[in-house]
Amino acid sequence: CGHQVMIPRQKLEKSIRSVIKSGEK
C-alpha cells in the first residue's frame, strides 16, 4: 500500500511552495 499514488517531486514541490507562499501572507 502507499505505492498507488505516485506524485512527481516537481509537482509536489510546486504545491508545497504555493501553500507556503499562501501561508506566509
PDB file of N, CA and C in Angstrom:
ATOM      1  N   CYS A   1       0.848  -1.212   0.000  1.00  0.00           N
ATOM      2  CA  CYS A   1       0.000   0.000   0.000  1.00  0.00           C
ATOM      3  C   CYS A   1       0.876   1.251   0.000  1.00  0.00           C
ATOM      4  N   GLY A   2       0.338   2.333  -0.468  1.00  0.00           N
ATOM      5  CA  GLY A   2       1.129   3.577  -0.487  1.00  0.00           C
ATOM      6  C   GLY A   2       1.913   3.712  -1.773  1.00  0.00           C
ATOM      7  N   HIS A   3       1.803   2.746  -2.658  1.00  0.00           N
ATOM      8  CA  HIS A   3       2.561   2.828  -3.923  1.00  0.00           C
ATOM      9  C   HIS A   3       1.632   3.130  -5.093  1.00  0.00           C
ATOM     10  N   GLN A   4       0.341   3.290  -4.794  1.00  0.00           N
ATOM     11  CA  GLN A   4      -0.587   3.574  -5.903  1.00  0.00           C
ATOM     12  C   GLN A   4      -0.535   5.065  -6.257  1.00  0.00           C
ATOM     13  N   VAL A   5      -0.237   5.896  -5.292  1.00  0.00           N
ATOM     14  CA  VAL A   5      -0.193   7.343  -5.577  1.00  0.00           C
ATOM     15  C   VAL A   5       1.252   7.766  -5.797  1.00  0.00           C
ATOM     16  N   MET A   6       1.587   8.032  -7.066  1.00  0.00           N
ATOM     17  CA  MET A   6       2.971   8.444  -7.373  1.00  0.00           C
ATOM     18  C   MET A   6       2.951   9.880  -7.891  1.00  0.00           C
ATOM     19  N   ILE A   7       3.214  10.812  -7.012  1.00  0.00           N
ATOM     20  CA  ILE A   7       3.202  12.227  -7.417  1.00  0.00           C
ATOM     21  C   ILE A   7       4.632  12.685  -7.719  1.00  0.00           C
ATOM     22  N   PRO A   8       4.831  13.274  -8.888  1.00  0.00           N
ATOM     23  CA  PRO A   8       6.169  13.773  -9.243  1.00  0.00           C
ATOM     24  C   PRO A   8       6.669  14.754  -8.194  1.00  0.00           C
ATOM     25  N   ARG A   9       7.972  14.711  -7.942  1.00  0.00           N
ATOM     26  CA  ARG A   9       8.546  15.585  -6.907  1.00  0.00           C
ATOM     27  C   ARG A   9       8.359  17.050  -7.332  1.00  0.00           C
ATOM     28  N   GLN A  10       8.423  17.306  -8.637  1.00  0.00           N
ATOM     29  CA  GLN A  10       8.288  18.699  -9.106  1.00  0.00           C
ATOM     30  C   GLN A  10       6.900  19.229  -8.755  1.00  0.00           C
ATOM     31  N   LYS A  11       5.890  18.410  -9.016  1.00  0.00           N
ATOM     32  CA  LYS A  11       4.510  18.844  -8.736  1.00  0.00           C
ATOM     33  C   LYS A  11       4.341  19.028  -7.226  1.00  0.00           C
ATOM     34  N   LEU A  12       4.886  18.087  -6.470  1.00  0.00           N
ATOM     35  CA  LEU A  12       4.752  18.161  -5.016  1.00  0.00           C
ATOM     36  C   LEU A  12       5.440  19.418  -4.493  1.00  0.00           C
ATOM     37  N   GLU A  13       6.652  19.665  -4.988  1.00  0.00           N
ATOM     38  CA  GLU A  13       7.389  20.852  -4.533  1.00  0.00           C
ATOM     39  C   GLU A  13       6.626  22.124  -4.888  1.00  0.00           C
ATOM     40  N   LYS A  14       6.075  22.148  -6.088  1.00  0.00           N
ATOM     41  CA  LYS A  14       5.342  23.354  -6.528  1.00  0.00           C
ATOM     42  C   LYS A  14       4.127  23.561  -5.617  1.00  0.00           C
ATOM     43  N   SER A  15       3.444  22.464  -5.306  1.00  0.00           N
ATOM     44  CA  SER A  15       2.254  22.569  -4.457  1.00  0.00           C
ATOM     45  C   SER A  15       2.642  23.063  -3.067  1.00  0.00           C
ATOM     46  N   ILE A  16       3.702  22.481  -2.530  1.00  0.00           N
ATOM     47  CA  ILE A  16       4.144  22.873  -1.190  1.00  0.00           C
ATOM     48  C   ILE A  16       4.569  24.335  -1.192  1.00  0.00           C
ATOM     49  N   ARG A  17       5.292  24.732  -2.225  1.00  0.00           N
ATOM     50  CA  ARG A  17       5.761  26.131  -2.312  1.00  0.00           C
ATOM     51  C   ARG A  17       4.557  27.066  -2.356  1.00  0.00           C
ATOM     52  N   SER A  18       3.550  26.673  -3.125  1.00  0.00           N
ATOM     53  CA  SER A  18       2.351  27.522  -3.253  1.00  0.00           C
ATOM     54  C   SER A  18       1.672  27.659  -1.882  1.00  0.00           C
ATOM     55  N   VAL A  19       1.597  26.559  -1.173  1.00  0.00           N
ATOM     56  CA  VAL A  19       0.945  26.579   0.143  1.00  0.00           C
ATOM     57  C   VAL A  19       1.750  27.440   1.108  1.00  0.00           C
ATOM     58  N   ILE A  20       3.060  27.292   1.072  1.00  0.00           N
ATOM     59  CA  ILE A  20       3.918  28.075   1.969  1.00  0.00           C
ATOM     60  C   ILE A  20       3.796  29.560   1.635  1.00  0.00           C
ATOM     61  N   LYS A  21       3.821  29.872   0.346  1.00  0.00           N
ATOM     62  CA  LYS A  21       3.727  31.277  -0.075  1.00  0.00           C
ATOM     63  C   LYS A  21       2.377  31.843   0.372  1.00  0.00           C
ATOM     64  N   SER A  22       1.339  31.033   0.262  1.00  0.00           N
ATOM     65  CA  SER A  22      -0.004  31.498   0.640  1.00  0.00           C
ATOM     66  C   SER A  22      -0.067  31.682   2.162  1.00  0.00           C
ATOM     67  N   GLY A  23       0.576  30.787   2.880  1.00  0.00           N
ATOM     68  CA  GLY A  23       0.549  30.862   4.351  1.00  0.00           C
ATOM     69  C   GLY A  23       1.432  31.989   4.866  1.00  0.00           C
ATOM     70  N   GLU A  24       2.424  32.375   4.074  1.00  0.00           N
ATOM     71  CA  GLU A  24       3.326  33.443   4.508  1.00  0.00           C
ATOM     72  C   GLU A  24       2.556  34.752   4.637  1.00  0.00           C
ATOM     73  N   LYS A  25       1.635  34.972   3.680  1.00  0.00           N
ATOM     74  CA  LYS A  25       0.873  36.231   3.706  1.00  0.00           C
ATOM     75  C   LYS A  25      -0.217  36.047   4.712  1.00  0.00           C
TER      76      LYS A  25
END
